[in-house]
Amino acid sequence: MNSRVILITGGSGKFGRSLLEHFLNKGDVVAFTASSESSISSVYDEFSNKREQLFGFQQDFTSENFSSTLVNQLAEKGLFPEGLVNNARSLDFLKIESDGLVSRNNFINEYLVDVVAPYELTMAFACASESQLSHVVNIGSQYGSVAANPALYDDHAQQSPIHYGVAKAALAHLTKELAVRLADQEIQVNCVAFGGVEGRVDEQFKARYQKLAPLGRMLRDDEVAGPVDYLLSGMSSGMTGQVMAVDGGWGVW
């Protein structure tokens, strides 16, 4: 059986590295994007034992022609992804001003990276002459369906970017629209709405989060890849246009 080719955007980030490790260990060929050559180099160093399966591409997702450029870069290497994971993000665009408001520039750029770029990239691969695309997974959030709970934060206005949830809500609907529009090409489009994952928060935050989730804890890094793998596989052949909640039960109460 030939190895799948999977493209993961934002491969050098927290989620991205978990996904890379999982699919590389499965024997897949994995292409990924990062915003800098140094980030690509750090990924190559981390997964040096899988280097022959791994291909990194520097991309600026705010650039107007990034999607066609990336499609051409992969094609030049004979890489035609069967699976696309739209995972890229920029923490810079989530910054909040001192008055607790979001600048217009950050609001627009967050929407651009989280909604417009996944649309453009998905369509670019779907329309490519040698397209092999069959599965698209968008990385969403629990905050795409519910608002952030102020009780979770020391300073709600400063620590919970309003435009993050707005963009994730739009990504969830984009998932449904693309599922309909690409159905005749037999391309499945789904989304995973993750809850909070351990790693970037202090113990006080974790304690507050535990009280708000039925599972009584945050997600672990090793719980990220499984749902994505399922949606990229034949096991999910009956699913498209769905937003799968992987949030420890956060959204059920």
Protein backbone atom coordinates (compact mmCIF):
# COMPACT_ATOMS: atom_id res chain seq x y z
CA MET A 1 0.00 0.00 0.00
CA ASN A 2 1.41 3.39 -0.99
CA SER A 3 1.97 6.00 1.70
CA ARG A 4 -0.52 8.84 1.90
CA VAL A 5 0.62 12.39 1.37
CA ILE A 6 -0.77 14.70 4.04
CA LEU A 7 -0.30 18.47 4.19
CA ILE A 8 -0.41 20.08 7.63
CA THR A 9 -0.33 23.86 7.77
CA GLY A 10 1.25 25.37 10.85
CA GLY A 11 3.38 22.29 11.33
CA SER A 12 5.89 23.89 13.68
CA GLY A 13 3.33 24.86 16.34
CA LYS A 14 2.01 22.95 19.35
CA PHE A 15 -0.76 21.11 17.53
CA GLY A 16 1.28 20.86 14.36
CA ARG A 17 4.13 18.95 15.98
CA SER A 18 1.73 16.49 17.61
CA LEU A 19 0.14 15.87 14.22
CA LEU A 20 3.49 15.54 12.44
CA GLU A 21 4.74 12.99 14.95
CA HIS A 22 1.58 10.91 14.66
CA PHE A 23 1.42 10.74 10.87
CA LEU A 24 5.15 10.27 10.41
CA ASN A 25 5.02 7.33 12.80
CA LYS A 26 2.19 5.87 10.72
CA GLY A 27 4.46 5.93 7.68
CA ASP A 28 2.74 8.78 5.86
CA VAL A 29 4.59 11.34 3.78
CA VAL A 30 3.99 14.66 5.51
CA ALA A 31 4.34 18.12 4.03
CA PHE A 32 4.00 21.07 6.36
CA THR A 33 4.15 24.85 6.36
CA ALA A 34 5.82 27.23 8.77
CA SER A 35 6.31 30.98 8.77
CA SER A 36 10.12 30.91 8.86
CA GLU A 37 13.05 28.81 7.71
CA SER A 38 14.27 28.56 11.30
CA SER A 39 10.96 26.94 12.30
CA ILE A 40 11.28 24.47 9.45
CA SER A 41 14.83 23.64 10.51
CA SER A 42 13.72 23.02 14.09
CA VAL A 43 11.09 20.56 12.86
CA TYR A 44 13.65 18.78 10.69
CA ASP A 45 15.95 18.51 13.72
CA GLU A 46 13.18 17.14 15.94
CA PHE A 47 12.15 14.49 13.42
CA SER A 48 15.55 13.79 11.90
CA ASN A 49 14.90 10.04 11.97
CA LYS A 50 11.92 10.55 9.65
CA ARG A 51 13.56 13.13 7.40
CA GLU A 52 12.89 11.24 4.16
CA GLN A 53 9.12 11.45 4.83
CA LEU A 54 9.08 15.14 5.74
CA PHE A 55 8.89 18.24 3.53
CA GLY A 56 8.73 21.78 4.89
CA PHE A 57 7.62 24.92 3.05
CA GLN A 58 7.89 28.50 4.27
CA GLN A 59 4.65 30.40 3.68
CA ASP A 60 3.04 33.69 4.66
CA PHE A 61 -0.69 32.99 4.78
CA THR A 62 -1.48 36.70 4.57
CA SER A 63 0.15 36.82 1.12
CA GLU A 64 -2.41 37.06 -1.68
CA ASN A 65 -0.95 34.28 -3.83
CA PHE A 66 0.24 31.89 -1.13
CA SER A 67 -2.14 29.06 -2.07
CA SER A 68 -1.14 28.79 -5.74
CA THR A 69 2.51 29.11 -4.75
CA LEU A 70 2.21 26.26 -2.25
CA VAL A 71 0.34 24.01 -4.69
CA ASN A 72 3.10 24.55 -7.26
CA GLN A 73 5.86 23.95 -4.70
CA LEU A 74 4.39 20.60 -3.72
CA ALA A 75 3.77 19.60 -7.33
CA GLU A 76 7.41 20.30 -8.19
CA LYS A 77 8.36 17.67 -5.62
CA GLY A 78 5.73 15.23 -6.86
CA LEU A 79 3.62 15.72 -3.75
CA PHE A 80 -0.14 15.62 -4.31
CA PRO A 81 -1.88 15.59 -0.91
CA GLU A 82 -4.76 13.25 -0.25
CA GLY A 83 -5.33 14.91 3.11
CA LEU A 84 -5.20 18.58 4.05
CA VAL A 85 -5.18 19.76 7.67
CA ASN A 86 -5.84 23.49 7.99
CA ASN A 87 -4.06 24.21 11.26
CA ALA A 88 -2.04 27.41 10.68
CA ARG A 89 -2.41 30.33 13.06
CA SER A 90 -0.48 33.34 14.28
CA LEU A 91 -0.29 34.22 17.96
CA ASP A 92 0.73 37.75 16.95
CA PHE A 93 -2.76 38.44 15.60
CA LEU A 94 -4.35 37.41 18.90
CA LYS A 95 -2.77 40.29 20.80
CA ILE A 96 -5.15 42.62 22.62
CA GLU A 97 -4.67 46.35 23.17
CA SER A 98 -4.14 47.81 26.64
CA ASP A 99 -7.78 48.96 26.76
CA GLY A 100 -8.99 45.40 26.19
CA LEU A 101 -10.03 46.02 22.58
CA VAL A 102 -8.81 44.29 19.43
CA SER A 103 -7.20 46.38 16.72
CA ARG A 104 -8.80 46.32 13.27
CA ASN A 105 -5.55 44.97 11.81
CA ASN A 106 -5.42 42.01 14.21
CA PHE A 107 -9.13 41.26 13.78
CA ILE A 108 -8.85 41.19 10.00
CA ASN A 109 -5.61 39.20 9.95
CA GLU A 110 -6.94 36.58 12.38
CA TYR A 111 -9.95 36.10 10.11
CA LEU A 112 -7.67 36.03 7.07
CA VAL A 113 -5.44 33.26 8.45
CA ASP A 114 -8.20 31.23 10.11
CA VAL A 115 -10.96 31.43 7.50
CA VAL A 116 -9.93 32.96 4.17
CA ALA A 117 -6.63 31.08 3.90
CA PRO A 118 -8.18 27.63 4.55
CA TYR A 119 -10.82 28.41 1.91
CA GLU A 120 -8.22 29.48 -0.64
CA LEU A 121 -5.92 26.56 0.04
CA THR A 122 -8.67 23.95 -0.03
CA MET A 123 -10.01 25.27 -3.31
CA ALA A 124 -6.54 25.55 -4.83
CA PHE A 125 -5.88 21.86 -4.20
CA ALA A 126 -9.41 20.83 -5.19
CA CYS A 127 -9.03 22.63 -8.53
CA ALA A 128 -5.45 21.54 -9.26
CA SER A 129 -5.10 19.50 -12.45
CA GLU A 130 -3.44 16.55 -10.69
CA SER A 131 -5.45 16.83 -7.49
CA GLN A 132 -5.58 13.78 -5.23
CA LEU A 133 -7.43 15.60 -2.45
CA SER A 134 -10.07 13.48 -0.73
CA HIS A 135 -10.14 14.68 2.90
CA VAL A 136 -9.92 18.12 4.50
CA VAL A 137 -9.84 18.67 8.26
CA ASN A 138 -10.13 22.16 9.69
CA ILE A 139 -8.77 22.71 13.20
CA GLY A 140 -11.46 24.53 15.14
CA SER A 141 -12.21 25.32 18.76
CA GLN A 142 -14.90 25.00 21.40
CA TYR A 143 -15.02 28.80 21.20
CA GLY A 144 -16.45 28.50 17.72
CA SER A 145 -19.76 27.41 19.27
CA VAL A 146 -19.74 28.93 22.76
CA ALA A 147 -18.35 32.15 24.16
CA ALA A 148 -15.41 32.12 26.56
CA ASN A 149 -16.42 31.77 30.21
CA PRO A 150 -15.15 34.82 32.18
CA ALA A 151 -14.75 32.63 35.27
CA LEU A 152 -11.82 30.91 33.59
CA TYR A 153 -9.65 34.01 33.37
CA ASP A 154 -7.95 36.40 35.75
CA ASP A 155 -8.55 39.20 33.23
CA HIS A 156 -11.21 38.16 30.71
CA ALA A 157 -10.78 41.18 28.41
CA GLN A 158 -7.01 40.79 28.17
CA GLN A 159 -6.71 37.02 28.13
CA SER A 160 -9.60 35.93 25.91
CA PRO A 161 -9.36 37.41 22.37
CA ILE A 162 -12.89 37.96 21.07
CA HIS A 163 -11.81 37.63 17.44
CA TYR A 164 -10.44 34.13 17.99
CA GLY A 165 -13.89 32.69 18.69
CA VAL A 166 -15.51 34.73 15.93
CA ALA A 167 -13.02 33.35 13.40
CA LYS A 168 -13.47 29.77 14.65
CA ALA A 169 -17.24 30.12 14.33
CA ALA A 170 -16.77 31.22 10.73
CA LEU A 171 -14.40 28.28 10.14
CA ALA A 172 -17.10 25.89 11.36
CA HIS A 173 -19.55 27.27 8.83
CA LEU A 174 -16.91 27.28 6.10
CA THR A 175 -16.57 23.55 6.78
CA LYS A 176 -20.25 23.03 6.00
CA GLU A 177 -20.17 25.17 2.87
CA LEU A 178 -17.10 23.44 1.45
CA ALA A 179 -18.54 20.02 2.23
CA VAL A 180 -21.53 20.82 0.04
CA ARG A 181 -19.58 22.50 -2.75
CA LEU A 182 -16.92 19.79 -3.01
CA ALA A 183 -19.19 16.78 -2.58
CA ASP A 184 -19.36 16.12 -6.31
CA GLN A 185 -15.57 15.77 -6.31
CA GLU A 186 -15.83 13.21 -3.49
CA ILE A 187 -13.88 15.47 -1.13
CA GLN A 188 -14.94 15.20 2.51
CA VAL A 189 -14.57 18.34 4.62
CA ASN A 190 -14.87 18.18 8.40
CA CYS A 191 -13.71 20.12 11.44
CA VAL A 192 -12.42 19.22 14.91
CA ALA A 193 -13.44 21.70 17.62
CA PHE A 194 -10.84 21.18 20.32
CA GLY A 195 -11.08 22.22 23.92
CA GLY A 196 -8.14 23.54 25.91
CA VAL A 197 -4.93 21.53 25.72
CA GLU A 198 -2.33 21.45 28.47
CA GLY A 199 1.00 23.17 28.00
CA ARG A 200 0.67 26.94 27.86
CA VAL A 201 -1.18 27.62 31.11
CA ASP A 202 -0.30 27.75 34.80
CA GLU A 203 -1.64 25.51 37.53
CA GLN A 204 -4.24 28.07 38.64
CA PHE A 205 -5.72 28.19 35.14
CA LYS A 206 -5.76 24.38 34.95
CA ALA A 207 -7.59 24.18 38.28
CA ARG A 208 -10.28 26.59 37.10
CA TYR A 209 -10.61 24.79 33.76
CA GLN A 210 -11.04 21.41 35.46
CA LYS A 211 -14.14 22.68 37.26
CA LEU A 212 -15.75 23.72 33.98
CA ALA A 213 -15.20 20.50 31.99
CA PRO A 214 -17.12 17.26 32.67
CA LEU A 215 -13.94 15.21 32.24
CA GLY A 216 -12.39 17.31 34.99
CA ARG A 217 -9.20 18.12 33.07
CA MET A 218 -7.70 19.74 30.01
CA LEU A 219 -6.88 17.71 26.93
CA ARG A 220 -3.45 16.11 26.60
CA ASP A 221 -1.13 16.52 23.62
CA ASP A 222 -1.56 12.84 22.78
CA GLU A 223 -5.32 13.36 22.32
CA VAL A 224 -4.96 15.78 19.42
CA ALA A 225 -4.00 13.53 16.52
CA GLY A 226 -6.55 10.72 16.92
CA PRO A 227 -9.68 12.64 15.86
CA VAL A 228 -7.82 14.20 12.92
CA ASP A 229 -6.54 10.79 11.82
CA TYR A 230 -10.08 9.40 11.98
CA LEU A 231 -11.42 12.18 9.75
CA LEU A 232 -8.58 11.65 7.24
CA SER A 233 -9.26 7.92 7.04
CA GLY A 234 -11.77 5.63 5.40
CA MET A 235 -13.30 5.07 8.84
CA SER A 236 -15.10 8.41 8.44
CA SER A 237 -16.40 7.70 4.94
CA GLY A 238 -19.96 8.63 5.93
CA MET A 239 -19.04 12.02 7.39
CA THR A 240 -18.79 15.41 5.75
CA GLY A 241 -19.64 18.93 6.85
CA GLN A 242 -19.43 17.95 10.50
CA VAL A 243 -17.86 19.74 13.46
CA MET A 244 -16.58 17.09 15.86
CA ALA A 245 -16.32 18.35 19.44
CA VAL A 246 -13.22 17.06 21.24
CA ASP A 247 -13.47 19.21 24.34
CA GLY A 248 -13.78 16.97 27.38
CA GLY A 249 -17.52 17.67 27.41
CA TRP A 250 -17.08 21.45 27.72
CA GLY A 251 -20.00 22.21 25.42
CA VAL A 252 -22.59 19.91 27.01
CA TRP A 253 -23.45 22.07 30.02
